[in-house]
Amino acid sequence: MRKTYRRRRHSVSLLHAHLIFTTKYRRRVITSRVFEILRASMRRSAGDLEVDLVAIEADRDHLHVMICYPPHLSLTKIVQRLKGASSRRLRQRRMPEVLTRLWGAAFWAPSYCVISCGGAPLEIVKAYVDSQTTLEHRAKRDQVDALRTSKRNHKPGPYPRTEVRGLRARI
């Protein structure tokens, strides 16, 4: 899979998440016909949100979705839109395999699972962050910090300077 960074005015990002949605009461209602409706609905909702559906696959009682999303969207909003629209669209079809096993207006269980993915393992990221400051860079940064604090703490004398119309008054 090729890495395609999202470039915006003030940010560059590459955020992937693996989402897992389960059906209400873990009923086995996702058939091939139901899955096609869910896939079409999720593609439409993801397009509206500017979210890329990288992969989508289903078992009889749960759905796996891998997405690439922009940083200004929260995962909660994405999940809410994907689950809500797909549930409404599926319930409008009134499919017998769903109506006989699920009742009420909900198709999905209220919970979901999100797993971040697409990045390096945590040990590699930690080593990268730790290696960003070399000893020379740290020494130079300490010198600049010391110079800044000495300028801030500099006091000209025991009395404050007073000026009257641009002339310094002698006290």
C-alpha atoms as a PDB file:
ATOM      1  CA  MET A   1       0.000   0.000   0.000  1.00  0.00           C
ATOM      2  CA  ARG A   2       1.447   3.361  -1.051  1.00  0.00           C
ATOM      3  CA  LYS A   3       1.688   6.136   1.532  1.00  0.00           C
ATOM      4  CA  THR A   4      -0.205   9.198   0.352  1.00  0.00           C
ATOM      5  CA  TYR A   5       0.035  12.117   2.738  1.00  0.00           C
ATOM      6  CA  ARG A   6      -2.907  14.478   3.100  1.00  0.00           C
ATOM      7  CA  ARG A   7      -1.631  17.992   2.496  1.00  0.00           C
ATOM      8  CA  ARG A   8      -3.676  20.903   3.770  1.00  0.00           C
ATOM      9  CA  ARG A   9      -2.931  24.555   4.305  1.00  0.00           C
ATOM     10  CA  HIS A  10      -1.406  24.130   7.763  1.00  0.00           C
ATOM     11  CA  SER A  11      -0.906  20.404   8.127  1.00  0.00           C
ATOM     12  CA  VAL A  12       0.404  17.244   6.567  1.00  0.00           C
ATOM     13  CA  SER A  13      -1.030  13.998   7.895  1.00  0.00           C
ATOM     14  CA  LEU A  14      -1.311  10.285   7.328  1.00  0.00           C
ATOM     15  CA  LEU A  15      -3.808   8.850   9.820  1.00  0.00           C
ATOM     16  CA  HIS A  16      -5.179   5.324   9.511  1.00  0.00           C
ATOM     17  CA  ALA A  17      -7.633   3.535  11.772  1.00  0.00           C
ATOM     18  CA  HIS A  18      -9.102   0.043  11.845  1.00  0.00           C
ATOM     19  CA  LEU A  19     -12.755   0.166  12.904  1.00  0.00           C
ATOM     20  CA  ILE A  20     -14.845  -2.812  13.989  1.00  0.00           C
ATOM     21  CA  PHE A  21     -18.646  -2.556  14.217  1.00  0.00           C
ATOM     22  CA  THR A  22     -20.811  -5.337  15.621  1.00  0.00           C
ATOM     23  CA  THR A  23     -24.465  -5.903  14.874  1.00  0.00           C
ATOM     24  CA  LYS A  24     -27.049  -5.444  17.579  1.00  0.00           C
ATOM     25  CA  TYR A  25     -27.120  -8.473  19.909  1.00  0.00           C
ATOM     26  CA  ARG A  26     -24.336  -9.997  17.736  1.00  0.00           C
ATOM     27  CA  ARG A  27     -27.006 -11.397  15.424  1.00  0.00           C
ATOM     28  CA  ARG A  28     -25.691 -13.047  12.246  1.00  0.00           C
ATOM     29  CA  VAL A  29     -27.487 -10.804   9.767  1.00  0.00           C
ATOM     30  CA  ILE A  30     -24.735  -9.658   7.404  1.00  0.00           C
ATOM     31  CA  THR A  31     -25.344 -11.655   4.242  1.00  0.00           C
ATOM     32  CA  SER A  32     -23.786 -10.852   0.866  1.00  0.00           C
ATOM     33  CA  ARG A  33     -26.829  -8.715  -0.097  1.00  0.00           C
ATOM     34  CA  VAL A  34     -26.696  -6.827   3.211  1.00  0.00           C
ATOM     35  CA  PHE A  35     -22.938  -6.369   2.861  1.00  0.00           C
ATOM     36  CA  GLU A  36     -23.301  -4.761  -0.579  1.00  0.00           C
ATOM     37  CA  ILE A  37     -25.763  -2.215   0.818  1.00  0.00           C
ATOM     38  CA  LEU A  38     -23.502  -1.524   3.809  1.00  0.00           C
ATOM     39  CA  ARG A  39     -20.455  -1.088   1.576  1.00  0.00           C
ATOM     40  CA  ALA A  40     -22.242   1.337  -0.773  1.00  0.00           C
ATOM     41  CA  SER A  41     -23.622   3.335   2.142  1.00  0.00           C
ATOM     42  CA  MET A  42     -20.258   3.547   3.894  1.00  0.00           C
ATOM     43  CA  ARG A  43     -18.491   4.609   0.680  1.00  0.00           C
ATOM     44  CA  ARG A  44     -21.039   7.396   0.193  1.00  0.00           C
ATOM     45  CA  SER A  45     -20.777   8.585   3.815  1.00  0.00           C
ATOM     46  CA  ALA A  46     -16.981   8.402   3.762  1.00  0.00           C
ATOM     47  CA  GLY A  47     -16.889  10.433   0.559  1.00  0.00           C
ATOM     48  CA  ASP A  48     -19.038  13.136   2.172  1.00  0.00           C
ATOM     49  CA  LEU A  49     -16.606  13.299   5.116  1.00  0.00           C
ATOM     50  CA  GLU A  50     -13.469  13.248   2.914  1.00  0.00           C
ATOM     51  CA  VAL A  51     -12.471   9.937   4.498  1.00  0.00           C
ATOM     52  CA  ASP A  52     -10.847   7.240   2.350  1.00  0.00           C
ATOM     53  CA  LEU A  53     -12.143   3.695   2.769  1.00  0.00           C
ATOM     54  CA  VAL A  54      -8.989   1.643   2.353  1.00  0.00           C
ATOM     55  CA  ALA A  55     -10.611  -1.723   3.009  1.00  0.00           C
ATOM     56  CA  ILE A  56     -13.969  -3.066   4.128  1.00  0.00           C
ATOM     57  CA  GLU A  57     -14.850  -6.668   4.905  1.00  0.00           C
ATOM     58  CA  ALA A  58     -17.532  -8.437   6.923  1.00  0.00           C
ATOM     59  CA  ASP A  59     -18.213 -11.570   8.856  1.00  0.00           C
ATOM     60  CA  ARG A  60     -21.791 -12.630   9.660  1.00  0.00           C
ATOM     61  CA  ASP A  61     -22.005 -10.535  12.862  1.00  0.00           C
ATOM     62  CA  HIS A  62     -19.379  -7.785  12.516  1.00  0.00           C
ATOM     63  CA  LEU A  63     -17.763  -5.466   9.986  1.00  0.00           C
ATOM     64  CA  HIS A  64     -14.082  -4.459   9.629  1.00  0.00           C
ATOM     65  CA  VAL A  65     -13.310  -1.085   8.038  1.00  0.00           C
ATOM     66  CA  MET A  66      -9.881   0.455   7.492  1.00  0.00           C
ATOM     67  CA  ILE A  67      -9.968   4.210   6.900  1.00  0.00           C
ATOM     68  CA  CYS A  68      -7.565   7.059   6.221  1.00  0.00           C
ATOM     69  CA  TYR A  69      -8.971  10.236   7.756  1.00  0.00           C
ATOM     70  CA  PRO A  70      -8.073  13.943   8.026  1.00  0.00           C
ATOM     71  CA  PRO A  71      -6.846  15.307  11.380  1.00  0.00           C
ATOM     72  CA  HIS A  72      -9.718  17.772  11.807  1.00  0.00           C
ATOM     73  CA  LEU A  73     -12.264  14.943  12.115  1.00  0.00           C
ATOM     74  CA  SER A  74     -12.657  12.984  15.320  1.00  0.00           C
ATOM     75  CA  LEU A  75     -13.022   9.236  15.109  1.00  0.00           C
ATOM     76  CA  THR A  76     -16.246   9.491  17.095  1.00  0.00           C
ATOM     77  CA  LYS A  77     -17.845  11.671  14.398  1.00  0.00           C
ATOM     78  CA  ILE A  78     -16.641   9.357  11.644  1.00  0.00           C
ATOM     79  CA  VAL A  79     -18.054   6.282  13.394  1.00  0.00           C
ATOM     80  CA  GLN A  80     -21.323   8.067  14.136  1.00  0.00           C
ATOM     81  CA  ARG A  81     -21.823   9.018  10.484  1.00  0.00           C
ATOM     82  CA  LEU A  82     -20.766   5.629   9.062  1.00  0.00           C
ATOM     83  CA  LYS A  83     -22.931   3.585  11.418  1.00  0.00           C
ATOM     84  CA  GLY A  84     -25.922   5.936  11.363  1.00  0.00           C
ATOM     85  CA  ALA A  85     -26.194   6.281   7.596  1.00  0.00           C
ATOM     86  CA  SER A  86     -25.633   2.589   6.900  1.00  0.00           C
ATOM     87  CA  SER A  87     -28.207   1.556   9.505  1.00  0.00           C
ATOM     88  CA  ARG A  88     -30.828   3.959   8.095  1.00  0.00           C
ATOM     89  CA  ARG A  89     -30.191   2.905   4.509  1.00  0.00           C
ATOM     90  CA  LEU A  90     -30.380  -0.780   5.392  1.00  0.00           C
ATOM     91  CA  ARG A  91     -33.563  -0.383   7.460  1.00  0.00           C
ATOM     92  CA  GLN A  92     -35.218   1.501   4.566  1.00  0.00           C
ATOM     93  CA  ARG A  93     -34.706  -1.568   2.342  1.00  0.00           C
ATOM     94  CA  ARG A  94     -36.691  -3.736   4.792  1.00  0.00           C
ATOM     95  CA  MET A  95     -34.743  -6.890   3.964  1.00  0.00           C
ATOM     96  CA  PRO A  96     -36.267 -10.105   5.391  1.00  0.00           C
ATOM     97  CA  GLU A  97     -32.924 -11.482   6.663  1.00  0.00           C
ATOM     98  CA  VAL A  98     -32.598  -8.359   8.837  1.00  0.00           C
ATOM     99  CA  LEU A  99     -36.240  -7.931   9.878  1.00  0.00           C
ATOM    100  CA  THR A 100     -36.595 -11.506  11.153  1.00  0.00           C
ATOM    101  CA  ARG A 101     -33.476 -11.366  13.367  1.00  0.00           C
ATOM    102  CA  LEU A 102     -33.386  -7.705  14.481  1.00  0.00           C
ATOM    103  CA  TRP A 103     -36.188  -5.538  15.749  1.00  0.00           C
ATOM    104  CA  GLY A 104     -36.360  -1.831  16.501  1.00  0.00           C
ATOM    105  CA  ALA A 105     -34.588   0.930  14.614  1.00  0.00           C
ATOM    106  CA  ALA A 106     -30.965  -0.040  15.409  1.00  0.00           C
ATOM    107  CA  PHE A 107     -28.834  -2.262  13.215  1.00  0.00           C
ATOM    108  CA  TRP A 108     -25.489  -1.729  14.968  1.00  0.00           C
ATOM    109  CA  ALA A 109     -24.571  -2.221  18.608  1.00  0.00           C
ATOM    110  CA  PRO A 110     -23.832   1.115  20.331  1.00  0.00           C
ATOM    111  CA  SER A 111     -20.179   0.201  20.925  1.00  0.00           C
ATOM    112  CA  TYR A 112     -17.279   0.010  18.477  1.00  0.00           C
ATOM    113  CA  CYS A 113     -13.588  -0.799  18.420  1.00  0.00           C
ATOM    114  CA  VAL A 114     -10.885   1.526  17.018  1.00  0.00           C
ATOM    115  CA  ILE A 115      -7.278   0.492  16.517  1.00  0.00           C
ATOM    116  CA  SER A 116      -4.748   2.974  15.180  1.00  0.00           C
ATOM    117  CA  CYS A 117      -2.528   1.628  12.442  1.00  0.00           C
ATOM    118  CA  GLY A 118      -0.177   2.621   9.693  1.00  0.00           C
ATOM    119  CA  GLY A 119       2.684   3.826  11.834  1.00  0.00           C
ATOM    120  CA  ALA A 120       5.933   2.336  13.002  1.00  0.00           C
ATOM    121  CA  PRO A 121       6.071   0.173  16.129  1.00  0.00           C
ATOM    122  CA  LEU A 122       6.251   2.137  19.388  1.00  0.00           C
ATOM    123  CA  GLU A 123       9.871   1.151  20.086  1.00  0.00           C
ATOM    124  CA  ILE A 124      11.000   2.609  16.753  1.00  0.00           C
ATOM    125  CA  VAL A 125       9.063   5.849  17.308  1.00  0.00           C
ATOM    126  CA  LYS A 126      10.507   6.207  20.824  1.00  0.00           C
ATOM    127  CA  ALA A 127      14.043   5.638  19.540  1.00  0.00           C
ATOM    128  CA  TYR A 128      13.471   8.226  16.803  1.00  0.00           C
ATOM    129  CA  VAL A 129      12.206  10.825  19.277  1.00  0.00           C
ATOM    130  CA  ASP A 130      15.088  10.109  21.651  1.00  0.00           C
ATOM    131  CA  SER A 131      17.640  10.505  18.845  1.00  0.00           C
ATOM    132  CA  GLN A 132      16.393  13.937  17.785  1.00  0.00           C
ATOM    133  CA  THR A 133      18.586  15.801  20.267  1.00  0.00           C
ATOM    134  CA  THR A 134      22.322  15.265  19.859  1.00  0.00           C
ATOM    135  CA  LEU A 135      24.808  16.374  22.506  1.00  0.00           C
ATOM    136  CA  GLU A 136      26.049  19.268  20.343  1.00  0.00           C
ATOM    137  CA  HIS A 137      22.516  20.490  19.703  1.00  0.00           C
ATOM    138  CA  ARG A 138      21.683  20.210  23.413  1.00  0.00           C
ATOM    139  CA  ALA A 139      24.820  22.218  24.379  1.00  0.00           C
ATOM    140  CA  LYS A 140      24.005  24.958  21.856  1.00  0.00           C
ATOM    141  CA  ARG A 141      20.397  25.106  23.071  1.00  0.00           C
ATOM    142  CA  ASP A 142      21.600  25.421  26.687  1.00  0.00           C
ATOM    143  CA  GLN A 143      23.881  28.334  25.724  1.00  0.00           C
ATOM    144  CA  VAL A 144      21.012  30.165  24.004  1.00  0.00           C
ATOM    145  CA  ASP A 145      18.747  29.565  27.005  1.00  0.00           C
ATOM    146  CA  ALA A 146      21.413  30.866  29.402  1.00  0.00           C
ATOM    147  CA  LEU A 147      21.887  34.004  27.289  1.00  0.00           C
ATOM    148  CA  ARG A 148      18.142  34.648  27.226  1.00  0.00           C
ATOM    149  CA  THR A 149      17.749  34.267  30.981  1.00  0.00           C
ATOM    150  CA  SER A 150      20.738  36.548  31.665  1.00  0.00           C
ATOM    151  CA  LYS A 151      19.186  39.275  29.486  1.00  0.00           C
ATOM    152  CA  ARG A 152      15.851  38.906  31.244  1.00  0.00           C
ATOM    153  CA  ASN A 153      17.377  39.083  34.719  1.00  0.00           C
ATOM    154  CA  HIS A 154      19.657  42.077  33.950  1.00  0.00           C
ATOM    155  CA  LYS A 155      18.924  45.105  36.154  1.00  0.00           C
ATOM    156  CA  PRO A 156      20.598  48.423  35.273  1.00  0.00           C
ATOM    157  CA  GLY A 157      21.106  49.708  38.809  1.00  0.00           C
ATOM    158  CA  PRO A 158      19.575  50.126  42.244  1.00  0.00           C
ATOM    159  CA  TYR A 159      17.086  52.784  41.090  1.00  0.00           C
ATOM    160  CA  PRO A 160      14.776  52.747  38.111  1.00  0.00           C
ATOM    161  CA  ARG A 161      15.579  55.084  35.253  1.00  0.00           C
ATOM    162  CA  THR A 162      13.346  58.112  35.044  1.00  0.00           C
ATOM    163  CA  GLU A 163      12.916  60.279  31.993  1.00  0.00           C
ATOM    164  CA  VAL A 164      11.116  63.576  31.625  1.00  0.00           C
ATOM    165  CA  ARG A 165      10.200  64.569  28.060  1.00  0.00           C
ATOM    166  CA  GLY A 166      13.034  62.604  26.574  1.00  0.00           C
ATOM    167  CA  LEU A 167      15.646  63.930  29.026  1.00  0.00           C
ATOM    168  CA  ARG A 168      17.054  61.768  31.709  1.00  0.00           C
ATOM    169  CA  ALA A 169      16.553  63.234  35.139  1.00  0.00           C
ATOM    170  CA  ARG A 170      19.313  62.952  37.667  1.00  0.00           C
ATOM    171  CA  ILE A 171      18.170  61.975  41.092  1.00  0.00           C
END
